[in-house]
Amino acid sequence: MVKKGKGVVLEKVRVFVEAMAKGGPCRDELENKKVAPKWVAAAAAAVEKTSVLPAVVVKEKKKVKTKEGAKDLYEILMDENRWKGFTQSNAKISKDVNGPISVFDGSVTGVNVELEEGKLIVQKWRFGSWSDGLDSTVKITFEEPEPGVTIVNLTHTDVPEEDRYGNATVVENTERGWRDLIFHRIRAVFGFGM
């Protein structure tokens, strides 16, 4: 087994890594059907005013090919164990309105504002490095125009331009966090074309 099996296993791992680097197992299927464009990291920066600091709106829109659909993506974002699985971070996520949220080892805390299974997640979030009294709003909607295709719309509003220490990278870090720490990791772990 060691002599012959090692080469076979290494080849299978190489093929898997190459497939994931090219967009995962669903990429070719999506491109052939022309159902979903490639990841469009078009994070808009529309500045709004808050009582303390200017705030920014972070927007993302994804068309995702899944086996289960919108309910599965909703569950991935609302299930502590799945969250831990794709972020490698401890998480406490209530599935109830007004239930608490603590993710990324407690560096992000918040509360659920509105939940509709498979359709809507609205949460109030704040990062520990933000000035006291600043909360942002995360709104994620899920649309399923056809079976197995889900459009995920993310709007993260009231993100301050700088943290309590004067670092002006909050918006950039928030955009990168959604893209790299959440959507790309969902894709890597679950194989969905996000």
C-alpha atoms as a PDB file:
ATOM      1  CA  MET A   1       0.000   0.000   0.000  1.00  0.00           C
ATOM      2  CA  VAL A   2       2.746   2.449   0.929  1.00  0.00           C
ATOM      3  CA  LYS A   3       4.687   1.882  -2.298  1.00  0.00           C
ATOM      4  CA  LYS A   4       1.760   2.074  -4.714  1.00  0.00           C
ATOM      5  CA  GLY A   5      -0.859   3.909  -2.663  1.00  0.00           C
ATOM      6  CA  LYS A   6       1.274   6.909  -1.751  1.00  0.00           C
ATOM      7  CA  GLY A   7       1.603   7.990  -5.376  1.00  0.00           C
ATOM      8  CA  VAL A   8      -2.117   7.565  -6.010  1.00  0.00           C
ATOM      9  CA  VAL A   9      -3.045   9.591  -2.923  1.00  0.00           C
ATOM     10  CA  LEU A  10      -0.557  12.351  -3.779  1.00  0.00           C
ATOM     11  CA  GLU A  11      -1.932  12.566  -7.333  1.00  0.00           C
ATOM     12  CA  LYS A  12      -5.529  12.807  -6.032  1.00  0.00           C
ATOM     13  CA  VAL A  13      -4.495  15.571  -3.615  1.00  0.00           C
ATOM     14  CA  ARG A  14      -2.682  17.454  -6.416  1.00  0.00           C
ATOM     15  CA  VAL A  15      -5.780  17.254  -8.662  1.00  0.00           C
ATOM     16  CA  PHE A  16      -8.024  18.445  -5.792  1.00  0.00           C
ATOM     17  CA  VAL A  17      -5.747  21.401  -4.961  1.00  0.00           C
ATOM     18  CA  GLU A  18      -5.601  22.431  -8.626  1.00  0.00           C
ATOM     19  CA  ALA A  19      -9.398  22.204  -8.914  1.00  0.00           C
ATOM     20  CA  MET A  20      -9.898  24.374  -5.824  1.00  0.00           C
ATOM     21  CA  ALA A  21      -7.343  26.918  -7.062  1.00  0.00           C
ATOM     22  CA  LYS A  22      -9.311  27.193 -10.311  1.00  0.00           C
ATOM     23  CA  GLY A  23     -12.615  27.833  -8.555  1.00  0.00           C
ATOM     24  CA  GLY A  24     -13.695  24.528  -7.102  1.00  0.00           C
ATOM     25  CA  PRO A  25     -15.773  21.658  -8.409  1.00  0.00           C
ATOM     26  CA  CYS A  26     -18.764  23.785  -9.428  1.00  0.00           C
ATOM     27  CA  ARG A  27     -16.857  26.366 -11.489  1.00  0.00           C
ATOM     28  CA  ASP A  28     -16.884  24.511 -14.810  1.00  0.00           C
ATOM     29  CA  GLU A  29     -20.515  23.551 -14.396  1.00  0.00           C
ATOM     30  CA  LEU A  30     -21.453  27.170 -13.683  1.00  0.00           C
ATOM     31  CA  GLU A  31     -19.442  28.553 -16.574  1.00  0.00           C
ATOM     32  CA  ASN A  32     -20.887  25.997 -18.987  1.00  0.00           C
ATOM     33  CA  LYS A  33     -24.417  26.976 -17.952  1.00  0.00           C
ATOM     34  CA  LYS A  34     -23.437  30.655 -17.782  1.00  0.00           C
ATOM     35  CA  VAL A  35     -25.426  30.807 -14.570  1.00  0.00           C
ATOM     36  CA  ALA A  36     -22.961  32.682 -12.424  1.00  0.00           C
ATOM     37  CA  PRO A  37     -20.213  35.167 -13.170  1.00  0.00           C
ATOM     38  CA  LYS A  38     -16.857  34.857 -11.446  1.00  0.00           C
ATOM     39  CA  TRP A  39     -16.535  36.413  -8.024  1.00  0.00           C
ATOM     40  CA  VAL A  40     -17.089  40.109  -8.449  1.00  0.00           C
ATOM     41  CA  ALA A  41     -15.418  41.919  -5.601  1.00  0.00           C
ATOM     42  CA  ALA A  42     -17.250  45.130  -6.271  1.00  0.00           C
ATOM     43  CA  ALA A  43     -17.416  46.582  -2.800  1.00  0.00           C
ATOM     44  CA  ALA A  44     -19.117  49.933  -3.086  1.00  0.00           C
ATOM     45  CA  ALA A  45     -18.103  52.802  -0.865  1.00  0.00           C
ATOM     46  CA  ALA A  46     -21.139  55.020  -0.441  1.00  0.00           C
ATOM     47  CA  VAL A  47     -20.471  57.292   2.501  1.00  0.00           C
ATOM     48  CA  GLU A  48     -23.255  57.934   4.992  1.00  0.00           C
ATOM     49  CA  LYS A  49     -23.198  60.083   8.131  1.00  0.00           C
ATOM     50  CA  THR A  50     -23.552  58.833  11.696  1.00  0.00           C
ATOM     51  CA  SER A  51     -23.649  60.885  14.834  1.00  0.00           C
ATOM     52  CA  VAL A  52     -20.015  60.062  15.669  1.00  0.00           C
ATOM     53  CA  LEU A  53     -18.037  59.204  12.540  1.00  0.00           C
ATOM     54  CA  PRO A  54     -18.735  58.887   8.838  1.00  0.00           C
ATOM     55  CA  ALA A  55     -19.808  55.368   7.952  1.00  0.00           C
ATOM     56  CA  VAL A  56     -19.412  53.291   4.832  1.00  0.00           C
ATOM     57  CA  VAL A  57     -21.634  50.780   3.110  1.00  0.00           C
ATOM     58  CA  VAL A  58     -19.995  47.510   2.085  1.00  0.00           C
ATOM     59  CA  LYS A  59     -21.906  45.640  -0.616  1.00  0.00           C
ATOM     60  CA  GLU A  60     -21.306  42.230  -2.155  1.00  0.00           C
ATOM     61  CA  LYS A  61     -23.474  40.251  -4.531  1.00  0.00           C
ATOM     62  CA  LYS A  62     -22.797  36.611  -5.335  1.00  0.00           C
ATOM     63  CA  LYS A  63     -24.518  34.106  -7.535  1.00  0.00           C
ATOM     64  CA  VAL A  64     -23.828  30.709  -6.011  1.00  0.00           C
ATOM     65  CA  LYS A  65     -24.365  27.180  -7.272  1.00  0.00           C
ATOM     66  CA  THR A  66     -25.255  24.906  -4.353  1.00  0.00           C
ATOM     67  CA  LYS A  67     -26.624  21.445  -3.912  1.00  0.00           C
ATOM     68  CA  GLU A  68     -29.184  22.522  -1.319  1.00  0.00           C
ATOM     69  CA  GLY A  69     -29.940  26.139  -2.195  1.00  0.00           C
ATOM     70  CA  ALA A  70     -30.670  29.243  -0.138  1.00  0.00           C
ATOM     71  CA  LYS A  71     -31.630  27.354   3.028  1.00  0.00           C
ATOM     72  CA  ASP A  72     -28.238  25.622   3.106  1.00  0.00           C
ATOM     73  CA  LEU A  73     -26.319  28.896   2.744  1.00  0.00           C
ATOM     74  CA  TYR A  74     -28.484  30.464   5.440  1.00  0.00           C
ATOM     75  CA  GLU A  75     -27.762  27.525   7.730  1.00  0.00           C
ATOM     76  CA  ILE A  76     -24.020  27.710   7.066  1.00  0.00           C
ATOM     77  CA  LEU A  77     -23.990  31.332   8.242  1.00  0.00           C
ATOM     78  CA  MET A  78     -26.238  30.671  11.251  1.00  0.00           C
ATOM     79  CA  ASP A  79     -24.796  27.377  12.543  1.00  0.00           C
ATOM     80  CA  GLU A  80     -21.983  27.606  15.112  1.00  0.00           C
ATOM     81  CA  ASN A  81     -20.370  24.338  14.080  1.00  0.00           C
ATOM     82  CA  ARG A  82     -20.351  25.154  10.373  1.00  0.00           C
ATOM     83  CA  TRP A  83     -19.078  28.674  11.144  1.00  0.00           C
ATOM     84  CA  LYS A  84     -16.231  27.139  13.172  1.00  0.00           C
ATOM     85  CA  GLY A  85     -15.582  24.727  10.319  1.00  0.00           C
ATOM     86  CA  PHE A  86     -15.032  27.301   7.634  1.00  0.00           C
ATOM     87  CA  THR A  87     -13.462  30.102   9.701  1.00  0.00           C
ATOM     88  CA  GLN A  88     -11.433  27.999  12.170  1.00  0.00           C
ATOM     89  CA  SER A  89     -12.710  30.442  14.800  1.00  0.00           C
ATOM     90  CA  ASN A  90     -14.814  29.950  17.894  1.00  0.00           C
ATOM     91  CA  ALA A  91     -18.346  31.197  17.428  1.00  0.00           C
ATOM     92  CA  LYS A  92     -21.520  31.607  19.423  1.00  0.00           C
ATOM     93  CA  ILE A  93     -24.412  32.306  17.102  1.00  0.00           C
ATOM     94  CA  SER A  94     -27.969  32.332  18.342  1.00  0.00           C
ATOM     95  CA  LYS A  95     -30.656  31.291  15.899  1.00  0.00           C
ATOM     96  CA  ASP A  96     -33.178  33.573  17.613  1.00  0.00           C
ATOM     97  CA  VAL A  97     -34.100  37.206  17.025  1.00  0.00           C
ATOM     98  CA  ASN A  98     -32.373  39.298  19.713  1.00  0.00           C
ATOM     99  CA  GLY A  99     -30.052  36.356  20.310  1.00  0.00           C
ATOM    100  CA  PRO A 100     -26.344  37.130  20.791  1.00  0.00           C
ATOM    101  CA  ILE A 101     -23.539  36.679  18.267  1.00  0.00           C
ATOM    102  CA  SER A 102     -19.842  36.308  19.045  1.00  0.00           C
ATOM    103  CA  VAL A 103     -17.500  35.339  16.215  1.00  0.00           C
ATOM    104  CA  PHE A 104     -13.812  35.416  15.382  1.00  0.00           C
ATOM    105  CA  ASP A 105     -12.913  34.512  18.952  1.00  0.00           C
ATOM    106  CA  GLY A 106     -15.034  37.348  20.335  1.00  0.00           C
ATOM    107  CA  SER A 107     -13.509  40.152  18.259  1.00  0.00           C
ATOM    108  CA  VAL A 108     -16.933  40.635  16.623  1.00  0.00           C
ATOM    109  CA  THR A 109     -20.034  40.749  18.798  1.00  0.00           C
ATOM    110  CA  GLY A 110     -23.619  41.527  18.040  1.00  0.00           C
ATOM    111  CA  VAL A 111     -27.230  40.498  18.044  1.00  0.00           C
ATOM    112  CA  ASN A 112     -29.726  39.106  15.542  1.00  0.00           C
ATOM    113  CA  VAL A 113     -32.283  41.740  14.524  1.00  0.00           C
ATOM    114  CA  GLU A 114     -34.374  39.874  11.938  1.00  0.00           C
ATOM    115  CA  LEU A 115     -34.198  36.276  10.703  1.00  0.00           C
ATOM    116  CA  GLU A 116     -36.167  34.493   8.006  1.00  0.00           C
ATOM    117  CA  GLU A 117     -34.845  31.021   7.252  1.00  0.00           C
ATOM    118  CA  GLY A 118     -33.380  30.752   3.775  1.00  0.00           C
ATOM    119  CA  LYS A 119     -34.298  34.355   2.940  1.00  0.00           C
ATOM    120  CA  LEU A 120     -32.930  36.993   5.321  1.00  0.00           C
ATOM    121  CA  ILE A 121     -30.376  37.638   8.060  1.00  0.00           C
ATOM    122  CA  VAL A 122     -30.173  41.087   9.671  1.00  0.00           C
ATOM    123  CA  GLN A 123     -27.684  41.556  12.493  1.00  0.00           C
ATOM    124  CA  LYS A 124     -26.108  44.390  14.479  1.00  0.00           C
ATOM    125  CA  TRP A 125     -22.333  43.920  14.621  1.00  0.00           C
ATOM    126  CA  ARG A 126     -19.456  45.703  16.274  1.00  0.00           C
ATOM    127  CA  PHE A 127     -15.764  45.002  16.358  1.00  0.00           C
ATOM    128  CA  GLY A 128     -13.921  45.277  19.665  1.00  0.00           C
ATOM    129  CA  SER A 129     -11.573  47.893  18.199  1.00  0.00           C
ATOM    130  CA  TRP A 130     -14.405  50.291  17.300  1.00  0.00           C
ATOM    131  CA  SER A 131     -15.240  53.314  19.422  1.00  0.00           C
ATOM    132  CA  ASP A 132     -17.894  52.715  22.069  1.00  0.00           C
ATOM    133  CA  GLY A 133     -21.453  53.168  20.859  1.00  0.00           C
ATOM    134  CA  LEU A 134     -20.744  52.310  17.212  1.00  0.00           C
ATOM    135  CA  ASP A 135     -22.693  49.396  15.771  1.00  0.00           C
ATOM    136  CA  SER A 136     -22.994  48.379  12.141  1.00  0.00           C
ATOM    137  CA  THR A 137     -25.854  46.593  10.419  1.00  0.00           C
ATOM    138  CA  VAL A 138     -25.325  43.458   8.359  1.00  0.00           C
ATOM    139  CA  LYS A 139     -28.147  42.512   5.982  1.00  0.00           C
ATOM    140  CA  ILE A 140     -27.876  39.322   3.938  1.00  0.00           C
ATOM    141  CA  THR A 141     -30.657  38.309   1.579  1.00  0.00           C
ATOM    142  CA  PHE A 142     -30.913  35.030  -0.289  1.00  0.00           C
ATOM    143  CA  GLU A 143     -32.802  34.705  -3.585  1.00  0.00           C
ATOM    144  CA  GLU A 144     -33.243  31.411  -5.420  1.00  0.00           C
ATOM    145  CA  PRO A 145     -34.201  32.231  -9.041  1.00  0.00           C
ATOM    146  CA  GLU A 146     -33.907  28.567  -9.983  1.00  0.00           C
ATOM    147  CA  PRO A 147     -33.227  25.339  -8.077  1.00  0.00           C
ATOM    148  CA  GLY A 148     -29.584  25.098  -7.019  1.00  0.00           C
ATOM    149  CA  VAL A 149     -28.755  28.737  -7.854  1.00  0.00           C
ATOM    150  CA  THR A 150     -28.735  31.222  -5.005  1.00  0.00           C
ATOM    151  CA  ILE A 151     -28.046  34.953  -5.183  1.00  0.00           C
ATOM    152  CA  VAL A 152     -26.544  36.255  -1.947  1.00  0.00           C
ATOM    153  CA  ASN A 153     -26.812  40.028  -1.411  1.00  0.00           C
ATOM    154  CA  LEU A 154     -24.754  41.411   1.470  1.00  0.00           C
ATOM    155  CA  THR A 155     -25.017  44.983   2.687  1.00  0.00           C
ATOM    156  CA  HIS A 156     -22.934  45.999   5.702  1.00  0.00           C
ATOM    157  CA  THR A 157     -23.794  49.580   6.700  1.00  0.00           C
ATOM    158  CA  ASP A 158     -22.527  52.019   9.304  1.00  0.00           C
ATOM    159  CA  VAL A 159     -18.957  50.732   9.200  1.00  0.00           C
ATOM    160  CA  PRO A 160     -16.796  53.510  10.685  1.00  0.00           C
ATOM    161  CA  GLU A 161     -13.924  54.844   8.604  1.00  0.00           C
ATOM    162  CA  GLU A 162     -11.506  54.405  11.505  1.00  0.00           C
ATOM    163  CA  ASP A 163     -11.290  52.505  14.762  1.00  0.00           C
ATOM    164  CA  ARG A 164     -10.771  53.843  18.286  1.00  0.00           C
ATOM    165  CA  TYR A 165      -7.003  53.879  17.700  1.00  0.00           C
ATOM    166  CA  GLY A 166      -7.205  56.070  14.591  1.00  0.00           C
ATOM    167  CA  ASN A 167      -6.529  53.256  12.093  1.00  0.00           C
ATOM    168  CA  ALA A 168      -8.228  54.155   8.817  1.00  0.00           C
ATOM    169  CA  THR A 169      -8.378  50.573   7.516  1.00  0.00           C
ATOM    170  CA  VAL A 170     -11.705  49.528   9.032  1.00  0.00           C
ATOM    171  CA  VAL A 171     -13.686  49.562   5.780  1.00  0.00           C
ATOM    172  CA  GLU A 172     -10.935  47.782   3.853  1.00  0.00           C
ATOM    173  CA  ASN A 173     -10.568  45.185   6.618  1.00  0.00           C
ATOM    174  CA  THR A 174     -14.334  44.661   6.758  1.00  0.00           C
ATOM    175  CA  GLU A 175     -14.547  44.119   2.984  1.00  0.00           C
ATOM    176  CA  ARG A 176     -11.542  41.790   3.068  1.00  0.00           C
ATOM    177  CA  GLY A 177     -13.001  39.932   6.040  1.00  0.00           C
ATOM    178  CA  TRP A 178     -16.261  39.179   4.248  1.00  0.00           C
ATOM    179  CA  ARG A 179     -14.431  38.141   1.092  1.00  0.00           C
ATOM    180  CA  ASP A 180     -11.464  36.205   2.499  1.00  0.00           C
ATOM    181  CA  LEU A 181     -12.575  35.019   5.939  1.00  0.00           C
ATOM    182  CA  ILE A 182     -16.140  34.152   5.086  1.00  0.00           C
ATOM    183  CA  PHE A 183     -17.129  33.739   1.410  1.00  0.00           C
ATOM    184  CA  HIS A 184     -13.839  32.306   0.134  1.00  0.00           C
ATOM    185  CA  ARG A 185     -13.653  29.933   3.093  1.00  0.00           C
ATOM    186  CA  ILE A 186     -17.222  28.760   2.545  1.00  0.00           C
ATOM    187  CA  ARG A 187     -16.176  27.989  -0.999  1.00  0.00           C
ATOM    188  CA  ALA A 188     -13.014  26.180   0.102  1.00  0.00           C
ATOM    189  CA  VAL A 189     -14.773  24.103   2.753  1.00  0.00           C
ATOM    190  CA  PHE A 190     -18.138  23.387   1.150  1.00  0.00           C
ATOM    191  CA  GLY A 191     -17.229  23.616  -2.550  1.00  0.00           C
ATOM    192  CA  PHE A 192     -19.913  26.166  -3.415  1.00  0.00           C
ATOM    193  CA  GLY A 193     -18.953  28.540  -6.222  1.00  0.00           C
ATOM    194  CA  MET A 194     -18.745  31.663  -4.063  1.00  0.00           C
END
